[in-house]
Protein backbone atom coordinates (compact mmCIF):
# COMPACT_ATOMS: atom_id res chain seq x y z
CA UNK A 1 0.00 0.00 0.00
CA UNK A 2 1.05 3.62 -0.32
CA UNK A 3 2.86 4.93 2.78
CA UNK A 4 1.04 7.51 4.88
CA UNK A 5 3.66 8.11 7.59
CA UNK A 6 7.35 7.72 8.32
CA UNK A 7 6.70 4.52 10.29
CA UNK A 8 7.70 1.25 8.66
CA UNK A 9 6.38 -2.07 9.98
CA UNK A 10 8.08 -5.25 8.87
CA UNK A 11 8.58 -8.80 10.07
CA UNK A 12 11.43 -11.27 10.00
CA UNK A 13 10.53 -14.32 7.95
CA UNK A 14 11.74 -16.55 10.79
CA UNK A 15 9.28 -15.00 13.23
CA UNK A 16 11.98 -13.86 15.69
CA UNK A 17 10.83 -10.26 15.92
CA UNK A 18 10.87 -9.90 19.71
CA UNK A 19 14.33 -11.45 20.06
CA UNK A 20 15.72 -9.37 17.19
CA UNK A 21 14.25 -6.15 18.58
CA UNK A 22 15.76 -6.79 21.99
CA UNK A 23 19.19 -7.64 20.56
CA UNK A 24 19.17 -4.71 18.11
CA UNK A 25 18.22 -2.18 20.75
CA UNK A 26 20.80 -3.57 23.22
CA UNK A 27 23.55 -3.27 20.59
CA UNK A 28 22.92 0.47 20.31
CA UNK A 29 22.86 0.57 16.51
CA UNK A 30 19.35 2.00 16.42
CA UNK A 31 15.97 1.59 18.03
CA UNK A 32 13.08 -0.58 16.96
CA UNK A 33 9.75 -1.01 18.65
CA UNK A 34 7.26 -3.84 18.43
CA UNK A 35 3.61 -3.67 17.47
CA UNK A 36 0.91 -6.10 16.42
CA UNK A 37 -0.59 -6.28 12.95
CA UNK A 38 -3.23 -8.87 12.26
CA UNK A 39 -2.41 -10.55 15.55
CA UNK A 40 1.27 -10.97 14.69
CA UNK A 41 4.14 -9.18 16.43
CA UNK A 42 6.12 -7.11 13.91
CA UNK A 43 9.07 -4.76 14.09
CA UNK A 44 8.46 -1.06 13.75
CA UNK A 45 10.97 1.56 12.66
CA UNK A 46 10.38 5.30 12.57
CA UNK A 47 12.58 7.17 10.11
CA UNK A 48 12.95 10.76 11.29
CA UNK A 49 16.22 11.98 9.80
CA UNK A 50 15.70 13.58 6.37
CA UNK A 51 19.23 12.52 5.45
CA UNK A 52 18.46 8.81 5.86
CA UNK A 53 19.63 6.97 2.76
CA UNK A 54 18.83 3.69 1.12
CA UNK A 55 22.23 2.49 2.33
CA UNK A 56 21.23 3.30 5.93
CA UNK A 57 18.06 1.25 5.57
CA UNK A 58 19.94 -1.65 3.99
CA UNK A 59 22.53 -1.54 6.79
CA UNK A 60 19.71 -1.92 9.32
CA UNK A 61 18.26 -4.89 7.46
CA UNK A 62 21.71 -6.46 7.05
CA UNK A 63 22.37 -5.98 10.77
CA UNK A 64 19.08 -7.63 11.67
CA UNK A 65 19.85 -10.51 9.31
CA UNK A 66 23.24 -10.97 10.98
CA UNK A 67 21.58 -11.05 14.41
CA UNK A 68 19.04 -13.59 13.17
CA UNK A 69 21.81 -15.80 11.77
CA UNK A 70 23.92 -15.59 14.93
C-alpha atoms as a PDB file:
ATOM      1  CA  UNK A   1       0.000   0.000   0.000  1.00  0.00           C
ATOM      2  CA  UNK A   2       1.048   3.622  -0.321  1.00  0.00           C
ATOM      3  CA  UNK A   3       2.855   4.929   2.777  1.00  0.00           C
ATOM      4  CA  UNK A   4       1.041   7.509   4.880  1.00  0.00           C
ATOM      5  CA  UNK A   5       3.657   8.107   7.590  1.00  0.00           C
ATOM      6  CA  UNK A   6       7.350   7.722   8.319  1.00  0.00           C
ATOM      7  CA  UNK A   7       6.697   4.515  10.286  1.00  0.00           C
ATOM      8  CA  UNK A   8       7.695   1.249   8.660  1.00  0.00           C
ATOM      9  CA  UNK A   9       6.383  -2.067   9.976  1.00  0.00           C
ATOM     10  CA  UNK A  10       8.081  -5.252   8.874  1.00  0.00           C
ATOM     11  CA  UNK A  11       8.583  -8.795  10.067  1.00  0.00           C
ATOM     12  CA  UNK A  12      11.430 -11.266   9.996  1.00  0.00           C
ATOM     13  CA  UNK A  13      10.531 -14.325   7.946  1.00  0.00           C
ATOM     14  CA  UNK A  14      11.740 -16.547  10.788  1.00  0.00           C
ATOM     15  CA  UNK A  15       9.280 -15.002  13.234  1.00  0.00           C
ATOM     16  CA  UNK A  16      11.979 -13.863  15.688  1.00  0.00           C
ATOM     17  CA  UNK A  17      10.827 -10.261  15.915  1.00  0.00           C
ATOM     18  CA  UNK A  18      10.871  -9.896  19.714  1.00  0.00           C
ATOM     19  CA  UNK A  19      14.329 -11.447  20.061  1.00  0.00           C
ATOM     20  CA  UNK A  20      15.717  -9.371  17.188  1.00  0.00           C
ATOM     21  CA  UNK A  21      14.245  -6.154  18.575  1.00  0.00           C
ATOM     22  CA  UNK A  22      15.755  -6.789  21.988  1.00  0.00           C
ATOM     23  CA  UNK A  23      19.187  -7.640  20.559  1.00  0.00           C
ATOM     24  CA  UNK A  24      19.172  -4.712  18.108  1.00  0.00           C
ATOM     25  CA  UNK A  25      18.219  -2.183  20.755  1.00  0.00           C
ATOM     26  CA  UNK A  26      20.801  -3.573  23.217  1.00  0.00           C
ATOM     27  CA  UNK A  27      23.554  -3.271  20.593  1.00  0.00           C
ATOM     28  CA  UNK A  28      22.921   0.474  20.312  1.00  0.00           C
ATOM     29  CA  UNK A  29      22.856   0.574  16.509  1.00  0.00           C
ATOM     30  CA  UNK A  30      19.345   2.001  16.422  1.00  0.00           C
ATOM     31  CA  UNK A  31      15.972   1.589  18.029  1.00  0.00           C
ATOM     32  CA  UNK A  32      13.076  -0.577  16.961  1.00  0.00           C
ATOM     33  CA  UNK A  33       9.746  -1.009  18.650  1.00  0.00           C
ATOM     34  CA  UNK A  34       7.259  -3.836  18.426  1.00  0.00           C
ATOM     35  CA  UNK A  35       3.607  -3.668  17.472  1.00  0.00           C
ATOM     36  CA  UNK A  36       0.909  -6.100  16.425  1.00  0.00           C
ATOM     37  CA  UNK A  37      -0.594  -6.283  12.954  1.00  0.00           C
ATOM     38  CA  UNK A  38      -3.233  -8.867  12.259  1.00  0.00           C
ATOM     39  CA  UNK A  39      -2.414 -10.553  15.555  1.00  0.00           C
ATOM     40  CA  UNK A  40       1.268 -10.968  14.694  1.00  0.00           C
ATOM     41  CA  UNK A  41       4.135  -9.184  16.426  1.00  0.00           C
ATOM     42  CA  UNK A  42       6.118  -7.110  13.913  1.00  0.00           C
ATOM     43  CA  UNK A  43       9.071  -4.758  14.086  1.00  0.00           C
ATOM     44  CA  UNK A  44       8.455  -1.056  13.753  1.00  0.00           C
ATOM     45  CA  UNK A  45      10.973   1.563  12.662  1.00  0.00           C
ATOM     46  CA  UNK A  46      10.379   5.300  12.571  1.00  0.00           C
ATOM     47  CA  UNK A  47      12.578   7.168  10.112  1.00  0.00           C
ATOM     48  CA  UNK A  48      12.949  10.763  11.291  1.00  0.00           C
ATOM     49  CA  UNK A  49      16.217  11.982   9.800  1.00  0.00           C
ATOM     50  CA  UNK A  50      15.698  13.577   6.374  1.00  0.00           C
ATOM     51  CA  UNK A  51      19.231  12.521   5.447  1.00  0.00           C
ATOM     52  CA  UNK A  52      18.464   8.809   5.863  1.00  0.00           C
ATOM     53  CA  UNK A  53      19.626   6.974   2.760  1.00  0.00           C
ATOM     54  CA  UNK A  54      18.826   3.686   1.122  1.00  0.00           C
ATOM     55  CA  UNK A  55      22.230   2.489   2.332  1.00  0.00           C
ATOM     56  CA  UNK A  56      21.234   3.305   5.931  1.00  0.00           C
ATOM     57  CA  UNK A  57      18.060   1.248   5.570  1.00  0.00           C
ATOM     58  CA  UNK A  58      19.937  -1.649   3.988  1.00  0.00           C
ATOM     59  CA  UNK A  59      22.528  -1.539   6.791  1.00  0.00           C
ATOM     60  CA  UNK A  60      19.710  -1.922   9.318  1.00  0.00           C
ATOM     61  CA  UNK A  61      18.260  -4.887   7.460  1.00  0.00           C
ATOM     62  CA  UNK A  62      21.708  -6.460   7.051  1.00  0.00           C
ATOM     63  CA  UNK A  63      22.372  -5.976  10.766  1.00  0.00           C
ATOM     64  CA  UNK A  64      19.084  -7.629  11.673  1.00  0.00           C
ATOM     65  CA  UNK A  65      19.849 -10.508   9.313  1.00  0.00           C
ATOM     66  CA  UNK A  66      23.243 -10.974  10.984  1.00  0.00           C
ATOM     67  CA  UNK A  67      21.577 -11.050  14.408  1.00  0.00           C
ATOM     68  CA  UNK A  68      19.045 -13.588  13.167  1.00  0.00           C
ATOM     69  CA  UNK A  69      21.809 -15.798  11.767  1.00  0.00           C
ATOM     70  CA  UNK A  70      23.921 -15.588  14.932  1.00  0.00           C
END
